[in-house]
Protein backbone atom coordinates (compact mmCIF):
# COMPACT_ATOMS: atom_id res chain seq x y z
CA MET A 1 89.40 81.50 76.93
CA PRO A 2 86.36 79.30 77.68
CA LYS A 3 83.31 79.77 75.45
CA SER A 4 79.73 80.45 76.51
CA THR A 5 80.54 81.06 80.15
CA GLY A 6 77.91 83.76 80.53
CA LEU A 7 80.57 86.03 82.01
CA GLY A 8 81.61 89.43 80.72
CA LEU A 9 85.11 90.04 79.37
CA ALA A 10 86.44 91.44 82.64
CA GLU A 11 84.96 88.56 84.64
CA GLN A 12 86.46 85.98 82.27
CA GLN A 13 89.86 87.67 82.43
CA LEU A 14 89.72 87.67 86.22
CA GLN A 15 90.19 83.92 85.95
CA SER A 16 93.32 84.28 83.83
CA PRO A 17 96.80 83.88 85.36
CA ASP A 18 97.99 86.88 83.32
CA ASN A 19 96.89 89.97 85.26
CA ALA A 20 98.36 92.64 83.00
CA PHE A 21 94.94 93.09 81.37
CA VAL A 22 93.73 95.04 84.42
CA TRP A 23 95.31 98.26 83.15
CA ALA A 24 93.35 98.15 79.90
CA VAL A 25 90.18 97.59 81.89
CA ILE A 26 91.05 100.46 84.25
CA ARG A 27 91.59 102.85 81.32
CA ALA A 28 88.24 101.85 79.83
CA GLU A 29 86.51 102.25 83.19
CA ALA A 30 88.11 105.68 83.65
CA LEU A 31 86.91 106.87 80.25
CA GLU A 32 83.40 105.66 81.01
CA LEU A 33 83.41 107.33 84.43
CA ALA A 34 84.71 110.61 82.97
CA ALA A 35 81.80 110.62 80.53
CA ARG A 36 79.31 110.10 83.36
CA GLU A 37 80.91 112.43 85.90
CA PRO A 38 82.46 115.47 84.17
CA ILE A 39 83.72 116.86 87.49
CA LEU A 40 86.22 113.97 87.59
CA GLN A 41 87.48 114.39 84.01
CA HIS A 42 90.59 116.39 84.93
CA LEU A 43 91.57 114.04 87.78
CA LEU A 44 91.08 110.93 85.64
CA ALA A 45 93.04 112.42 82.75
CA ALA A 46 95.93 113.47 84.98
CA GLN A 47 96.19 110.12 86.74
CA ILE A 48 94.97 107.56 84.20
CA THR A 49 93.64 108.29 80.72
CA ALA A 50 96.37 110.75 79.61
CA THR A 51 99.28 108.79 81.05
CA SER A 52 101.90 107.04 78.96
CA GLY A 53 102.16 103.75 80.81
CA ASN A 54 100.97 101.55 83.66
CA ARG A 55 103.81 102.52 85.99
CA GLU A 56 102.93 106.15 85.48
CA ILE A 57 99.34 105.43 86.53
CA ILE A 58 100.23 103.87 89.87
CA ALA A 59 102.93 106.49 90.51
CA ARG A 60 100.54 109.38 89.86
CA VAL A 61 97.74 107.87 91.97
CA LEU A 62 100.02 107.27 94.97
CA ALA A 63 101.88 110.57 94.65
CA ALA A 64 98.61 112.53 94.57
CA ARG A 65 97.43 110.85 97.76
CA LEU A 66 100.73 111.06 99.59
CA ALA A 67 101.44 114.69 98.70
CA ALA A 68 102.58 116.63 101.77
CA THR A 69 103.20 120.34 102.15
CA GLN A 70 106.92 119.76 102.73
CA VAL A 71 107.43 117.64 99.60
CA GLU A 72 106.31 118.46 96.09
CA THR A 73 103.93 116.00 94.41
CA GLY A 74 106.31 115.88 91.46
CA ASP A 75 109.16 114.76 93.70
CA LEU A 76 106.99 112.01 95.17
CA PHE A 77 106.00 110.94 91.68
CA ASP A 78 109.65 110.74 90.62
CA LEU A 79 110.58 108.68 93.69
CA ILE A 80 107.74 106.22 93.19
CA HIS A 81 108.02 105.99 89.41
CA SER A 82 111.78 105.40 89.50
CA THR A 83 111.38 102.63 92.10
CA LEU A 84 108.65 100.67 90.35
CA ASN A 85 109.94 97.57 88.58
CA ASP A 86 108.44 94.58 86.83
CA ASP A 87 108.15 92.52 90.02
CA ILE A 88 106.34 95.29 91.86
CA MET A 89 104.00 95.88 88.93
CA ARG A 90 103.10 92.19 88.76
CA ALA A 91 102.32 92.23 92.49
CA ILE A 92 100.18 95.36 92.09
CA GLU A 93 98.23 93.75 89.26
CA ALA A 94 97.65 90.63 91.35
CA ASP A 95 96.47 92.81 94.26
CA LEU A 96 93.98 94.60 92.02
CA VAL A 97 92.55 91.27 90.89
CA ALA A 98 92.42 90.03 94.50
CA VAL A 99 90.44 93.04 95.69
CA ARG A 100 88.09 92.87 92.70
CA GLN A 101 87.40 89.18 93.31
CA ARG A 102 87.10 89.18 97.10
CA ASP A 103 85.46 92.48 98.04
CA PRO A 104 81.75 92.56 97.12
CA ALA A 105 81.77 96.34 97.53
CA CYS A 106 84.45 96.68 94.82
CA THR A 107 82.69 96.54 91.46
CA THR A 108 85.52 97.81 89.23
CA PHE A 109 89.31 97.82 89.15
CA LEU A 110 89.13 101.60 88.90
CA HIS A 111 87.32 101.76 92.24
CA ALA A 112 90.11 99.78 93.89
CA LEU A 113 92.80 101.93 92.27
CA LEU A 114 91.29 105.29 93.19
CA ASN A 115 89.41 104.78 96.42
CA LEU A 116 90.66 101.92 98.60
CA LYS A 117 93.18 103.08 101.19
CA GLY A 118 94.19 99.51 102.07
CA PHE A 119 95.28 99.06 98.45
CA HIS A 120 97.10 102.42 98.47
CA ALA A 121 98.91 101.60 101.71
CA LEU A 122 100.02 98.22 100.40
CA GLN A 123 101.42 99.64 97.16
CA THR A 124 103.22 102.40 99.04
CA HIS A 125 104.73 99.68 101.21
CA ARG A 126 106.00 97.91 98.10
CA ILE A 127 107.86 101.09 97.15
CA ALA A 128 109.19 101.59 100.68
CA HIS A 129 110.31 97.95 100.87
CA ALA A 130 112.24 98.26 97.60
CA LEU A 131 113.94 101.41 98.90
CA TRP A 132 114.74 99.64 102.18
CA ASN A 133 116.33 96.72 100.32
CA ALA A 134 118.32 99.18 98.21
CA GLY A 135 119.90 100.60 101.36
CA ARG A 136 117.85 103.82 101.35
CA ARG A 137 116.44 103.18 104.81
CA GLU A 138 115.82 106.77 105.88
CA ILE A 139 113.61 107.57 102.89
CA ALA A 140 111.93 104.14 103.16
CA THR A 141 111.03 104.79 106.80
CA TRP A 142 109.84 108.32 106.00
CA LEU A 143 107.61 107.01 103.21
CA ALA A 144 106.20 104.25 105.42
CA ASN A 145 105.37 106.77 108.14
CA LEU A 146 103.75 109.10 105.62
CA ALA A 147 101.63 106.22 104.31
CA SER A 148 100.53 105.42 107.86
CA LEU A 149 99.51 109.02 108.47
CA VAL A 150 97.59 109.26 105.19
CA PHE A 151 96.07 105.78 104.83
CA GLY A 152 96.08 104.23 108.29
CA PRO A 153 97.99 100.91 108.09
CA ASP A 154 101.35 100.96 109.87
CA ILE A 155 103.65 98.65 107.90
CA HIS A 156 107.38 98.49 108.60
CA PRO A 157 109.30 98.87 105.32
CA ALA A 158 111.30 95.70 106.03
CA ALA A 159 108.21 93.48 106.26
CA ARG A 160 108.02 90.97 103.40
CA ILE A 161 104.64 90.83 101.68
CA GLY A 162 103.72 88.63 98.73
CA ALA A 163 101.25 89.19 95.88
CA SER A 164 97.48 88.81 95.56
CA ILE A 165 96.99 90.52 98.93
CA MET A 166 93.88 92.32 100.16
CA LEU A 167 94.01 94.72 103.11
CA ASP A 168 90.28 95.18 103.54
CA HIS A 169 89.44 98.70 104.81
CA GLY A 170 93.04 99.06 106.01
CA SER A 171 92.27 101.03 109.19
CA GLY A 172 94.30 100.01 112.21
CA ILE A 173 96.45 97.35 110.54
CA VAL A 174 99.94 96.99 112.06
CA ILE A 175 102.62 94.79 110.45
CA GLY A 176 105.98 94.49 112.21
CA GLU A 177 109.52 94.59 110.86
CA THR A 178 110.22 90.85 110.58
CA ALA A 179 106.70 89.80 109.58
CA VAL A 180 106.28 87.69 106.45
CA ILE A 181 103.03 87.48 104.49
CA GLU A 182 102.96 85.00 101.62
CA ASP A 183 100.75 85.17 98.50
CA GLU A 184 96.96 85.19 98.40
CA VAL A 185 96.32 86.46 101.95
CA SER A 186 93.37 88.59 103.09
CA ILE A 187 93.64 90.82 106.18
CA LEU A 188 90.75 92.83 107.61
CA GLN A 189 90.80 96.01 109.68
CA ASN A 190 92.51 96.42 113.07
CA VAL A 191 94.76 93.37 112.67
CA THR A 192 98.15 93.35 114.39
CA LEU A 193 101.11 91.21 113.32
CA GLY A 194 103.31 92.16 116.23
CA GLY A 195 105.92 91.09 118.72
CA THR A 196 105.40 89.98 122.31
CA GLY A 197 107.58 92.55 124.02
CA LYS A 198 111.04 94.05 123.69
CA GLU A 199 112.75 91.08 122.09
CA THR A 200 114.98 91.78 119.09
CA GLY A 201 115.75 89.86 115.93
CA ASP A 202 113.18 87.72 114.13
CA ARG A 203 110.16 88.40 116.31
CA HIS A 204 107.03 88.76 114.15
CA PRO A 205 104.50 86.32 112.65
CA LYS A 206 104.88 84.35 109.43
CA ILE A 207 101.59 84.20 107.52
CA ARG A 208 101.54 81.44 104.94
CA HIS A 209 99.69 81.15 101.63
CA GLY A 210 95.92 81.58 101.45
CA VAL A 211 95.29 82.68 105.06
CA MET A 212 92.42 84.96 106.09
CA ILE A 213 92.80 87.09 109.23
CA GLY A 214 89.54 88.43 110.62
CA ALA A 215 88.90 91.94 111.91
CA GLY A 216 90.58 92.84 115.19
CA ALA A 217 92.74 89.72 115.39
CA LYS A 218 96.15 89.98 117.07
CA ILE A 219 98.94 87.57 116.12
CA LEU A 220 101.95 88.04 118.36
CA GLY A 221 105.45 86.65 118.24
CA ASN A 222 107.58 84.72 115.77
CA ILE A 223 104.92 82.09 115.11
CA GLU A 224 103.70 80.48 111.90
CA ILE A 225 100.12 80.61 110.67
CA GLY A 226 99.81 77.58 108.41
CA ALA A 227 98.68 77.78 104.81
CA PHE A 228 94.95 78.08 104.09
CA SER A 229 94.03 78.71 107.71
CA LYS A 230 91.60 81.22 109.19
CA ILE A 231 92.01 83.49 112.22
CA ALA A 232 88.58 84.41 113.54
CA ALA A 233 87.72 88.04 114.26
CA GLY A 234 88.90 89.32 117.61
CA SER A 235 91.22 86.40 118.32
CA VAL A 236 94.58 86.68 120.09
CA VAL A 237 97.01 84.15 118.63
CA LEU A 238 100.10 83.31 120.68
CA LYS A 239 100.94 79.84 119.35
CA PRO A 240 101.54 78.41 115.86
CA VAL A 241 98.45 77.47 113.84
CA PRO A 242 98.45 74.30 111.68
CA GLU A 243 97.52 74.34 108.01
CA HIS A 244 93.85 74.17 106.98
CA CYS A 245 92.49 75.16 110.40
CA THR A 246 90.31 77.82 112.01
CA VAL A 247 91.32 79.22 115.39
CA ALA A 248 89.27 81.55 117.58
CA GLY A 249 89.20 83.06 121.02
CA VAL A 250 91.44 84.76 123.57
CA PRO A 251 93.83 83.05 123.59
CA ALA A 252 93.00 81.40 120.29
CA THR A 253 92.32 77.67 120.18
CA LEU A 254 91.59 75.26 117.34
CA VAL A 255 87.87 75.14 116.50
CA ARG A 256 87.72 73.57 113.04
CA VAL A 257 89.72 71.69 110.41
CA HIS A 258 89.00 72.71 106.80
CA ARG A 259 88.61 70.76 103.61
CA ALA A 260 91.88 70.53 101.68
CA ASP A 261 90.48 72.62 98.81
CA GLU A 262 89.21 75.51 100.96
CA ILE A 263 91.01 78.84 100.53
CA PRO A 264 89.83 81.19 103.31
CA ALA A 265 91.49 84.24 101.76
CA GLU A 266 89.28 83.82 98.68
CA THR A 267 86.00 82.73 100.26
CA MET A 268 86.19 85.52 102.90
CA ASP A 269 83.74 83.53 105.03
CA GLN A 270 83.75 85.14 108.49
CA ASN A 271 81.84 82.31 110.15
CA ILE A 272 83.68 80.01 112.53
């Protein structure tokens, strides 16, 4: 770890490729919050500080938020906990780091874990996607619908989503069945990754590494959004977008070519 950076431990570890440290930070943050806000002590103990492992934390947090009158919270916990695997946990850890780094309103990992519905929706999707791939399509679809009702984003359980993803705010996001989102992508509210009509088969967008999609943007059809590109807020994208570009407008057109080292998903710069 670099010396004399002037950064705190958590900030230094944010720069590390090993994201497993986030759970230790979350436990410490939860203990500190419980000391400051006694009304939250029972909740924090049940979901974080008294748990036996990291998978139990994420399972308890999601189960508590997804609890419906027809299904016991314990049954939801069992479904989620039994589905979590090492790959999903690594993706969750990377998502926590992504939100902490990119969202100026997110000052702790604990805040992301407990309060951000975009994060909750994405992790529920990871569970639903694993169930879908395991052939349990009815329960995967039910879970995806429940997540949409509770959190807002409507994500088909078959959609393929990478790691280090931020769904900022989450409200109004729609991601279709054959959509692909690669690693290190940021998506703001009211974004649609949809089809263009009633076509079947592979019909949804492919979002490559490092892309940022601004609020209210609509990307329609089986088109590719090139790596490290930016879709400006409110745009309607109907044609492929090259790498390292910004597009804007209705329909969207090319307005800028980026530097090769610019990563829109990280900078979160909304300017065109």
